[in-house]
């Protein structure tokens, strides 16, 4: 049994990340082993969670992994911990478009049988806060809202009015936080700036968030609420795959330009028999010794285009590996890195395509079917994923596309060429674990070192 809380809000922008990260750091500072989790596909917030707790931030995505895996994945991440803090996504009841409650924070809270703490931006209201909280608490009787944290409170008088209004709501106030610029985290075109890009400043911000939470929240009350959650019957998820012989080296791109990854991917690759070796395309001029397969996840190559382009030796090594037929899996940022150019700056040239920044945000869950055979999936394989970018690549698909998508409109996208599978769609392999074994198997095929 792991004590647990879900930190939610009526809408985005209320301060969920600040409160959740501050709580994680505050409880970790008390000596508790805290397991950090994030609802949905977000890669950036878990980086701050990991900084606060010293443990990998893990995602709980009911759309990409299925509702049946939410509790097992939670139990896997929280194994051996005293407390788990789960940060929600968007508003409490917001989920996948046109899918009801699917992938919403409320659904995850119900699957985890976890009490919810509602973070309310109180900056422009007083007595109305009671109506707001009452509405959220009564909307779904299966969702247990165990407390409220009032954020962005202006003055002692403002706090008094808010507490008075909530006094008869039946939902206790478990925290009151004043406006505090020191706890804010800078944002840009895809959300918060990742930890890897501002390590020292991020450490200071997380420390400030922890101090704000310690000063303004009832930590004992929050811990008691977390401990009121009932036991979960679900066994922890295990990355159990039959390992491939030979222990091939799979290089995984990281560093500031490629920060988007799910912890379970590396665990699945290892379980499938691979030796997972990280490398940084901003710093390393060669691929790890013996590289038999390459995984390049998401991130912000558009921010580091000049530096990535300047590392000509590594670009050449990536191109040569791809030309050898070795398996290469690239998602979003990885797709851009494999293109001929990004905003006019030379990239690896593996794909006959040009990439550039765009003002248009492409965002949403995707139902995908593999068009052709690749190291990731056999033709016809169905997977679920997520797109999130402000770039375009032309053409948008190769002679053999990576995926056929069914929503929001029918289209094909991405590239399958030789051993390369490159696409804008992020996937979570825990939902289809055979993906990892298929990839590692291809690392031992013809052309492998």
Protein backbone atom coordinates (compact mmCIF):
# COMPACT_ATOMS: atom_id res chain seq x y z
CA UNK A 1 0.00 0.00 0.00
CA UNK A 2 1.35 3.41 -1.00
CA UNK A 3 -0.14 6.60 0.38
CA UNK A 4 -1.13 8.79 -2.58
CA UNK A 5 -2.58 12.11 -3.65
CA UNK A 6 -3.72 13.44 -7.00
CA UNK A 7 -3.10 17.17 -7.47
CA UNK A 8 -5.71 18.58 -9.85
CA UNK A 9 -7.22 21.93 -10.82
CA UNK A 10 -10.34 23.35 -12.45
CA UNK A 11 -8.27 24.35 -15.49
CA UNK A 12 -4.75 24.73 -16.80
CA UNK A 13 -2.73 27.60 -15.37
CA UNK A 14 -3.94 27.27 -11.79
CA UNK A 15 -0.53 26.18 -10.48
CA UNK A 16 -0.71 22.38 -10.43
CA UNK A 17 2.93 21.89 -11.38
CA UNK A 18 4.17 24.38 -8.78
CA UNK A 19 2.08 22.81 -6.01
CA UNK A 20 2.73 19.19 -7.00
CA UNK A 21 6.49 19.72 -7.37
CA UNK A 22 6.63 21.72 -4.15
CA UNK A 23 4.79 18.97 -2.26
CA UNK A 24 7.10 16.31 -3.69
CA UNK A 25 10.18 18.27 -2.63
CA UNK A 26 8.75 19.20 0.78
CA UNK A 27 7.88 15.60 1.66
CA UNK A 28 11.18 14.32 0.27
CA UNK A 29 12.91 16.89 2.47
CA UNK A 30 11.23 15.25 5.46
CA UNK A 31 12.93 11.97 4.61
CA UNK A 32 10.01 10.30 2.84
CA UNK A 33 10.58 8.28 -0.32
CA UNK A 34 8.28 10.10 -2.75
CA UNK A 35 7.18 8.62 -6.06
CA UNK A 36 6.39 11.27 -8.72
CA UNK A 37 3.78 10.78 -11.42
CA UNK A 38 2.13 12.85 -14.15
CA UNK A 39 -1.23 12.23 -15.81
CA UNK A 40 -1.05 12.31 -19.60
CA UNK A 41 1.74 12.40 -22.17
CA UNK A 42 3.68 15.41 -20.81
CA UNK A 43 7.48 14.93 -20.77
CA UNK A 44 8.57 18.23 -19.21
CA UNK A 45 6.84 18.29 -15.82
CA UNK A 46 8.26 14.85 -14.87
CA UNK A 47 11.74 16.35 -15.18
CA UNK A 48 10.93 18.79 -12.38
CA UNK A 49 9.32 15.97 -10.40
CA UNK A 50 12.50 13.92 -10.70
CA UNK A 51 14.54 16.87 -9.49
CA UNK A 52 12.25 17.21 -6.47
CA UNK A 53 12.30 13.53 -5.47
CA UNK A 54 15.46 11.95 -6.85
CA UNK A 55 13.34 9.33 -8.63
CA UNK A 56 12.26 9.06 -12.29
CA UNK A 57 9.11 11.00 -13.09
CA UNK A 58 6.59 8.59 -14.60
CA UNK A 59 3.53 9.17 -16.77
CA UNK A 60 0.11 7.62 -16.34
CA UNK A 61 -1.68 7.80 -19.68
CA UNK A 62 -4.94 5.91 -20.01
CA UNK A 63 -5.24 6.67 -23.73
CA UNK A 64 -1.82 5.48 -24.86
CA UNK A 65 -1.40 2.58 -22.40
CA UNK A 66 -5.02 1.65 -21.69
CA UNK A 67 -7.00 2.00 -18.48
CA UNK A 68 -5.95 -1.46 -17.32
CA UNK A 69 -2.29 -0.44 -17.09
CA UNK A 70 -2.71 2.79 -15.10
CA UNK A 71 -2.69 1.19 -11.66
CA UNK A 72 0.02 -1.41 -12.49
CA UNK A 73 2.30 1.30 -13.93
CA UNK A 74 1.66 3.41 -10.86
CA UNK A 75 2.52 0.49 -8.58
CA UNK A 76 5.69 -0.17 -10.60
CA UNK A 77 6.91 3.39 -10.16
CA UNK A 78 5.83 3.69 -6.53
CA UNK A 79 7.29 0.38 -5.36
CA UNK A 80 9.11 0.85 -2.06
CA UNK A 81 7.94 4.45 -1.59
CA UNK A 82 6.19 6.05 1.37
CA UNK A 83 4.10 8.47 -0.66
CA UNK A 84 3.11 9.08 -4.27
CA UNK A 85 2.11 12.45 -5.66
CA UNK A 86 0.31 12.45 -9.00
CA UNK A 87 0.08 15.72 -10.91
CA UNK A 88 -3.01 15.97 -13.09
CA UNK A 89 -3.39 17.36 -16.59
CA UNK A 90 -5.53 20.31 -17.76
CA UNK A 91 -8.78 20.60 -15.77
CA UNK A 92 -9.82 17.75 -13.49
CA UNK A 93 -12.47 16.40 -15.86
CA UNK A 94 -10.72 17.18 -19.17
CA UNK A 95 -9.50 14.21 -21.19
CA UNK A 96 -9.05 12.98 -24.74
CA UNK A 97 -11.22 14.93 -27.19
CA UNK A 98 -14.60 13.30 -27.89
CA UNK A 99 -13.71 10.37 -25.59
CA UNK A 100 -15.67 11.23 -22.45
CA UNK A 101 -13.55 10.90 -19.32
CA UNK A 102 -10.82 8.88 -21.03
CA UNK A 103 -7.30 10.02 -20.03
CA UNK A 104 -8.65 12.68 -17.67
CA UNK A 105 -7.22 13.32 -14.23
CA UNK A 106 -10.58 12.29 -12.77
CA UNK A 107 -10.41 8.91 -14.48
CA UNK A 108 -6.86 8.28 -13.27
CA UNK A 109 -7.85 9.27 -9.72
CA UNK A 110 -10.67 6.74 -9.83
CA UNK A 111 -8.44 4.01 -11.24
CA UNK A 112 -5.96 4.69 -8.42
CA UNK A 113 -8.66 5.09 -5.75
CA UNK A 114 -6.76 8.22 -4.78
CA UNK A 115 -8.06 11.35 -3.03
CA UNK A 116 -7.85 14.55 -5.04
CA UNK A 117 -6.53 17.90 -3.87
CA UNK A 118 -7.95 20.73 -5.97
CA UNK A 119 -5.59 23.65 -6.65
CA UNK A 120 -7.69 26.77 -7.23
CA UNK A 121 -6.39 30.01 -8.70
CA UNK A 122 -8.10 32.39 -6.28
CA UNK A 123 -6.59 35.57 -7.71
CA UNK A 124 -9.87 36.96 -9.12
CA UNK A 125 -12.53 35.61 -6.78
CA UNK A 126 -13.66 35.44 -3.20
CA UNK A 127 -17.05 33.95 -2.26
CA UNK A 128 -17.49 32.37 -5.70
CA UNK A 129 -14.72 29.93 -4.81
CA UNK A 130 -17.24 27.94 -2.75
CA UNK A 131 -19.54 27.45 -5.73
CA UNK A 132 -16.61 26.42 -7.89
CA UNK A 133 -15.33 23.83 -5.41
CA UNK A 134 -18.84 22.54 -4.72
CA UNK A 135 -19.42 22.01 -8.43
CA UNK A 136 -16.19 20.08 -8.93
CA UNK A 137 -16.72 18.01 -5.77
CA UNK A 138 -20.28 17.01 -6.69
CA UNK A 139 -19.89 16.47 -10.45
CA UNK A 140 -18.75 12.84 -10.18
CA UNK A 141 -19.48 11.07 -6.88
CA UNK A 142 -16.73 8.53 -7.60
CA UNK A 143 -14.11 11.31 -7.49
CA UNK A 144 -13.17 12.10 -3.91
CA UNK A 145 -12.00 15.68 -3.50
CA UNK A 146 -10.36 15.61 -0.10
CA UNK A 147 -9.11 19.18 0.13
CA UNK A 148 -8.38 22.47 -1.57
CA UNK A 149 -5.17 24.46 -1.91
CA UNK A 150 -5.83 28.11 -2.67
CA UNK A 151 -3.17 29.56 -4.94
CA UNK A 152 -2.24 33.16 -5.81
CA UNK A 153 -3.96 34.61 -2.75
CA UNK A 154 -3.30 38.34 -2.48
CA UNK A 155 -3.66 39.38 1.19
CA UNK A 156 -4.69 38.19 4.63
CA UNK A 157 -8.10 39.80 4.02
CA UNK A 158 -8.44 37.88 0.76
CA UNK A 159 -7.54 34.65 2.54
CA UNK A 160 -10.15 35.34 5.23
CA UNK A 161 -12.89 35.82 2.63
CA UNK A 162 -11.94 32.62 0.83
CA UNK A 163 -11.80 30.53 3.99
CA UNK A 164 -15.12 31.92 5.15
CA UNK A 165 -16.78 31.04 1.86
CA UNK A 166 -15.38 27.51 1.92
CA UNK A 167 -16.25 26.94 5.56
CA UNK A 168 -19.59 25.32 4.78
CA UNK A 169 -18.52 23.46 1.65
CA UNK A 170 -17.38 20.35 3.46
CA UNK A 171 -14.06 20.46 1.60
CA UNK A 172 -11.20 21.47 3.92
CA UNK A 173 -8.65 24.10 2.99
CA UNK A 174 -5.27 22.33 3.14
CA UNK A 175 -3.13 25.18 1.92
CA UNK A 176 -3.02 28.86 1.07
CA UNK A 177 -0.24 30.11 -1.18
CA UNK A 178 0.61 33.73 -1.88
CA UNK A 179 1.85 35.01 -5.23
CA UNK A 180 5.58 34.25 -5.38
CA UNK A 181 7.66 35.02 -8.51
CA UNK A 182 10.57 32.93 -7.22
CA UNK A 183 8.62 29.71 -7.71
CA UNK A 184 7.67 30.41 -11.31
CA UNK A 185 9.21 28.40 -14.13
CA UNK A 186 9.76 30.03 -17.54
CA UNK A 187 7.75 28.81 -20.52
CA UNK A 188 8.10 28.93 -24.28
CA UNK A 189 6.39 27.50 -27.36
CA UNK A 190 5.72 23.99 -25.97
CA UNK A 191 5.33 24.72 -22.26
CA UNK A 192 7.87 24.87 -19.46
CA UNK A 193 11.58 25.04 -20.25
CA UNK A 194 12.96 21.55 -19.42
CA UNK A 195 15.20 20.97 -16.41
CA UNK A 196 18.10 19.87 -18.62
CA UNK A 197 18.26 23.35 -20.15
CA UNK A 198 18.33 25.28 -16.86
CA UNK A 199 19.68 22.88 -14.25
CA UNK A 200 20.92 25.42 -11.66
CA UNK A 201 17.89 27.69 -12.02
CA UNK A 202 15.58 24.67 -11.88
CA UNK A 203 17.16 23.51 -8.61
CA UNK A 204 16.57 26.97 -7.14
CA UNK A 205 12.96 27.06 -8.39
CA UNK A 206 12.15 23.63 -6.92
CA UNK A 207 13.70 24.65 -3.59
CA UNK A 208 11.55 27.80 -3.60
CA UNK A 209 8.45 25.76 -4.42
CA UNK A 210 9.19 23.40 -1.53
CA UNK A 211 9.63 26.32 0.87
CA UNK A 212 6.40 27.94 -0.29
CA UNK A 213 4.49 24.69 0.22
CA UNK A 214 6.05 24.10 3.65
CA UNK A 215 5.03 27.58 4.73
CA UNK A 216 1.54 27.60 3.28
CA UNK A 217 0.24 24.03 3.33
CA UNK A 218 -0.91 21.65 6.05
CA UNK A 219 1.59 18.89 5.33
CA UNK A 220 0.30 16.70 8.14
CA UNK A 221 -3.26 17.04 6.87
CA UNK A 222 -2.16 16.25 3.32
CA UNK A 223 -0.20 13.21 4.45
CA UNK A 224 -3.17 11.96 6.48
CA UNK A 225 -5.38 12.37 3.42
CA UNK A 226 -2.88 10.45 1.29
CA UNK A 227 -2.77 7.64 3.84
CA UNK A 228 -6.56 7.34 3.74
CA UNK A 229 -6.39 5.83 0.24
CA UNK A 230 -7.32 2.15 0.25
CA UNK A 231 -4.93 -0.62 -0.88
CA UNK A 232 -4.72 -1.26 -4.62
CA UNK A 233 -5.19 -4.88 -5.70
CA UNK A 234 -3.16 -4.47 -8.89
CA UNK A 235 0.23 -6.14 -9.17
CA UNK A 236 3.02 -3.83 -10.33
CA UNK A 237 3.74 -3.73 -14.05
CA UNK A 238 6.95 -5.53 -14.99
CA UNK A 239 9.09 -4.97 -18.10
CA UNK A 240 9.22 -8.73 -18.62
CA UNK A 241 10.27 -9.77 -22.11
CA UNK A 242 12.20 -12.76 -23.37
CA UNK A 243 15.71 -11.31 -23.85
CA UNK A 244 17.41 -11.41 -27.22
CA UNK A 245 20.83 -13.08 -27.20
CA UNK A 246 23.97 -11.07 -27.76
CA UNK A 247 23.19 -7.97 -25.72
CA UNK A 248 23.29 -5.45 -28.59
CA UNK A 249 24.06 -1.81 -27.80
CA UNK A 250 21.11 0.54 -28.24
CA UNK A 251 22.17 4.18 -28.18
CA UNK A 252 19.54 6.55 -26.77
CA UNK A 253 19.82 10.27 -27.49
CA UNK A 254 19.63 12.58 -24.48
CA UNK A 255 21.00 15.88 -23.28
CA UNK A 256 19.33 19.26 -23.51
CA UNK A 257 18.11 18.84 -27.11
CA UNK A 258 16.41 15.44 -26.61
CA UNK A 259 14.73 15.44 -23.19
CA UNK A 260 11.48 13.65 -24.06
CA UNK A 261 11.49 10.01 -23.01
CA UNK A 262 9.51 7.60 -20.89
CA UNK A 263 11.45 5.69 -18.25
CA UNK A 264 9.69 2.48 -19.25
CA UNK A 265 11.25 2.56 -22.74
CA UNK A 266 14.77 2.06 -21.44
CA UNK A 267 13.49 -0.56 -18.98
CA UNK A 268 11.80 -2.48 -21.80
CA UNK A 269 14.86 -2.30 -24.04
CA UNK A 270 17.00 -3.65 -21.21
CA UNK A 271 14.49 -6.41 -20.48
CA UNK A 272 14.56 -7.34 -24.17
CA UNK A 273 18.30 -7.93 -23.90
CA UNK A 274 19.79 -4.62 -25.04
CA UNK A 275 22.60 -2.68 -23.42
CA UNK A 276 21.09 0.81 -23.28
CA UNK A 277 23.75 3.53 -23.59
CA UNK A 278 22.78 7.22 -23.48
CA UNK A 279 24.62 9.85 -25.50
CA UNK A 280 24.30 13.60 -26.04
CA UNK A 281 24.17 14.81 -29.67
CA UNK A 282 25.20 18.28 -28.50
CA UNK A 283 28.46 17.03 -26.99
CA UNK A 284 29.38 13.57 -28.26
CA UNK A 285 31.06 13.40 -31.67
CA UNK A 286 30.64 9.63 -32.03
CA UNK A 287 27.91 7.14 -31.31
CA UNK A 288 28.57 4.80 -28.37
CA UNK A 289 30.99 2.03 -29.24
CA UNK A 290 29.29 -0.96 -30.86
CA UNK A 291 25.98 0.83 -31.48
CA UNK A 292 23.60 -1.62 -33.17
CA UNK A 293 20.42 0.44 -32.87
CA UNK A 294 19.52 4.06 -32.27
CA UNK A 295 16.58 5.69 -30.47
CA UNK A 296 16.11 9.45 -30.84
CA UNK A 297 13.14 10.74 -28.89
CA UNK A 298 11.51 14.13 -28.65
CA UNK A 299 12.80 17.42 -27.39
CA UNK A 300 13.82 20.79 -28.77
CA UNK A 301 16.25 20.47 -31.67
CA UNK A 302 14.85 23.75 -33.02
CA UNK A 303 16.36 25.52 -29.99
CA UNK A 304 19.74 23.87 -30.55
CA UNK A 305 19.76 23.71 -34.33
CA UNK A 306 23.08 25.51 -34.73
CA UNK A 307 24.86 23.29 -32.19
CA UNK A 308 23.42 20.08 -33.62
CA UNK A 309 24.38 21.16 -37.12
CA UNK A 310 27.91 22.06 -36.01
CA UNK A 311 28.48 18.51 -34.72
CA UNK A 312 29.17 17.25 -38.25
CA UNK A 313 31.04 14.13 -37.10
CA UNK A 314 28.05 12.80 -35.20
CA UNK A 315 25.63 13.69 -38.00
CA UNK A 316 27.82 11.67 -40.35
CA UNK A 317 27.93 8.74 -37.92
CA UNK A 318 24.13 8.73 -37.62
CA UNK A 319 23.75 8.83 -41.40
CA UNK A 320 26.19 5.95 -41.84
CA UNK A 321 24.41 3.85 -39.20
CA UNK A 322 21.07 4.42 -40.90
CA UNK A 323 22.56 3.61 -44.30
CA UNK A 324 23.84 0.29 -42.93
CA UNK A 325 20.26 -0.82 -42.29
CA UNK A 326 20.56 -0.72 -38.52
CA UNK A 327 17.27 0.03 -36.73
CA UNK A 328 16.66 3.71 -35.98
CA UNK A 329 13.54 4.84 -34.11
CA UNK A 330 12.95 8.59 -34.19
CA UNK A 331 10.04 10.52 -32.70
CA UNK A 332 9.28 14.21 -33.31
CA UNK A 333 12.62 15.88 -32.48
CA UNK A 334 14.35 12.75 -33.74
CA UNK A 335 12.41 13.06 -36.99
CA UNK A 336 13.68 16.62 -37.44
CA UNK A 337 17.26 15.58 -36.63
CA UNK A 338 17.17 12.94 -39.38
CA UNK A 339 15.96 15.44 -42.00
CA UNK A 340 18.24 17.13 -44.54
CA UNK A 341 17.88 20.44 -42.73
CA UNK A 342 16.08 22.21 -39.90
CA UNK A 343 15.39 25.91 -40.42
CA UNK A 344 18.02 25.89 -43.14
CA UNK A 345 20.74 24.29 -40.99
CA UNK A 346 22.12 20.91 -42.12
CA UNK A 347 21.00 17.89 -40.11
CA UNK A 348 21.76 14.20 -40.62
CA UNK A 349 20.32 13.87 -44.12
CA UNK A 350 18.89 10.42 -43.51
CA UNK A 351 15.47 11.55 -44.78
CA UNK A 352 14.86 13.38 -48.02
CA UNK A 353 12.88 16.10 -46.23
CA UNK A 354 13.22 19.66 -44.93
CA UNK A 355 11.98 20.78 -41.49
CA UNK A 356 11.18 24.23 -40.16
CA UNK A 357 9.51 26.00 -37.28
CA UNK A 358 5.84 26.90 -37.61
CA UNK A 359 3.45 29.17 -35.73
CA UNK A 360 0.82 26.44 -35.78
CA UNK A 361 0.61 24.12 -32.79
CA UNK A 362 -0.14 20.50 -33.63
CA UNK A 363 -1.47 18.81 -30.50
CA UNK A 364 -3.55 15.79 -29.65
CA UNK A 365 -3.89 12.06 -29.21
CA UNK A 366 -3.64 9.85 -32.26
CA UNK A 367 -4.95 6.41 -33.27
CA UNK A 368 -2.29 5.00 -35.57
CA UNK A 369 -1.81 1.97 -37.75
CA UNK A 370 1.60 0.96 -39.15
CA UNK A 371 1.63 1.29 -42.95
CA UNK A 372 4.72 -0.81 -43.64
CA UNK A 373 6.99 -3.20 -41.78
CA UNK A 374 9.65 -1.49 -39.66
CA UNK A 375 11.86 -2.29 -36.66
CA UNK A 376 9.09 -0.88 -34.45
CA UNK A 377 6.00 -2.53 -35.84
CA UNK A 378 4.75 -4.94 -38.45
CA UNK A 379 2.41 -3.53 -41.07
CA UNK A 380 -1.11 -3.35 -39.69
CA UNK A 381 -0.03 -2.97 -36.06
CA UNK A 382 -2.28 -0.55 -34.20
CA UNK A 383 -0.84 1.80 -31.62
CA UNK A 384 -1.93 4.93 -29.84
CA UNK A 385 0.21 8.02 -29.57
CA UNK A 386 0.38 11.77 -29.16
CA UNK A 387 1.53 14.68 -31.32
CA UNK A 388 2.88 17.92 -29.83
CA UNK A 389 4.98 20.27 -31.95
CA UNK A 390 5.28 23.65 -33.65
CA UNK A 391 7.28 22.45 -36.62
CA UNK A 392 6.49 21.07 -40.05
CA UNK A 393 8.42 18.69 -42.29
CA UNK A 394 8.06 18.63 -46.05
CA UNK A 395 7.10 16.21 -47.39
CA UNK A 396 5.05 15.05 -44.42
CA UNK A 397 5.41 11.40 -45.36
CA UNK A 398 7.80 9.19 -47.28
CA UNK A 399 7.15 6.69 -50.04
CA UNK A 400 6.33 4.29 -47.21
CA UNK A 401 4.73 6.33 -44.40
CA UNK A 402 5.24 5.40 -40.78
CA UNK A 403 1.61 5.66 -39.71
CA UNK A 404 -1.88 6.05 -40.99
CA UNK A 405 -3.81 8.26 -38.56
CA UNK A 406 -7.55 8.26 -37.99
CA UNK A 407 -7.97 11.45 -35.97
CA UNK A 408 -8.53 14.36 -36.04
CA UNK A 409 -8.50 13.73 -39.80
CA UNK A 410 -7.43 10.75 -41.88
CA UNK A 411 -3.87 11.16 -43.15
CA UNK A 412 -0.54 9.40 -43.41
CA UNK A 413 2.67 10.73 -41.88
CA UNK A 414 6.26 9.83 -41.14
CA UNK A 415 8.86 7.72 -42.91
CA UNK A 416 9.86 4.07 -43.07
CA UNK A 417 13.06 3.57 -45.02
CA UNK A 418 15.39 0.62 -44.54
CA UNK A 419 15.72 0.25 -40.79
CA UNK A 420 14.48 3.78 -40.08
CA UNK A 421 11.11 4.52 -38.51
CA UNK A 422 10.66 8.30 -38.11
CA UNK A 423 7.46 10.05 -37.14
CA UNK A 424 5.97 13.00 -35.27
CA UNK A 425 3.89 10.60 -33.16
CA UNK A 426 5.14 9.88 -29.64
CA UNK A 427 4.24 6.39 -28.40
CA UNK A 428 4.40 4.73 -25.00
CA UNK A 429 5.84 1.26 -25.37
CA UNK A 430 4.43 -0.04 -22.09
CA UNK A 431 1.09 -0.29 -23.90
CA UNK A 432 2.66 -2.47 -26.63
CA UNK A 433 5.79 -3.96 -24.98
CA UNK A 434 6.57 -6.24 -27.94
CA UNK A 435 7.69 -3.04 -29.70
CA UNK A 436 10.88 -3.05 -27.62
CA UNK A 437 11.68 -6.70 -28.32
CA UNK A 438 11.04 -6.29 -32.03
CA UNK A 439 13.45 -3.35 -32.09
CA UNK A 440 16.16 -5.25 -30.20
CA UNK A 441 15.71 -8.29 -32.47
CA UNK A 442 16.41 -6.04 -35.48
CA UNK A 443 19.61 -4.90 -33.75
CA UNK A 444 20.95 -8.46 -34.10
CA UNK A 445 19.92 -8.91 -37.73
CA UNK A 446 21.93 -8.39 -40.93
CA UNK A 447 24.18 -5.36 -40.70
CA UNK A 448 24.44 -5.44 -36.92
CA UNK A 449 27.97 -4.98 -35.49
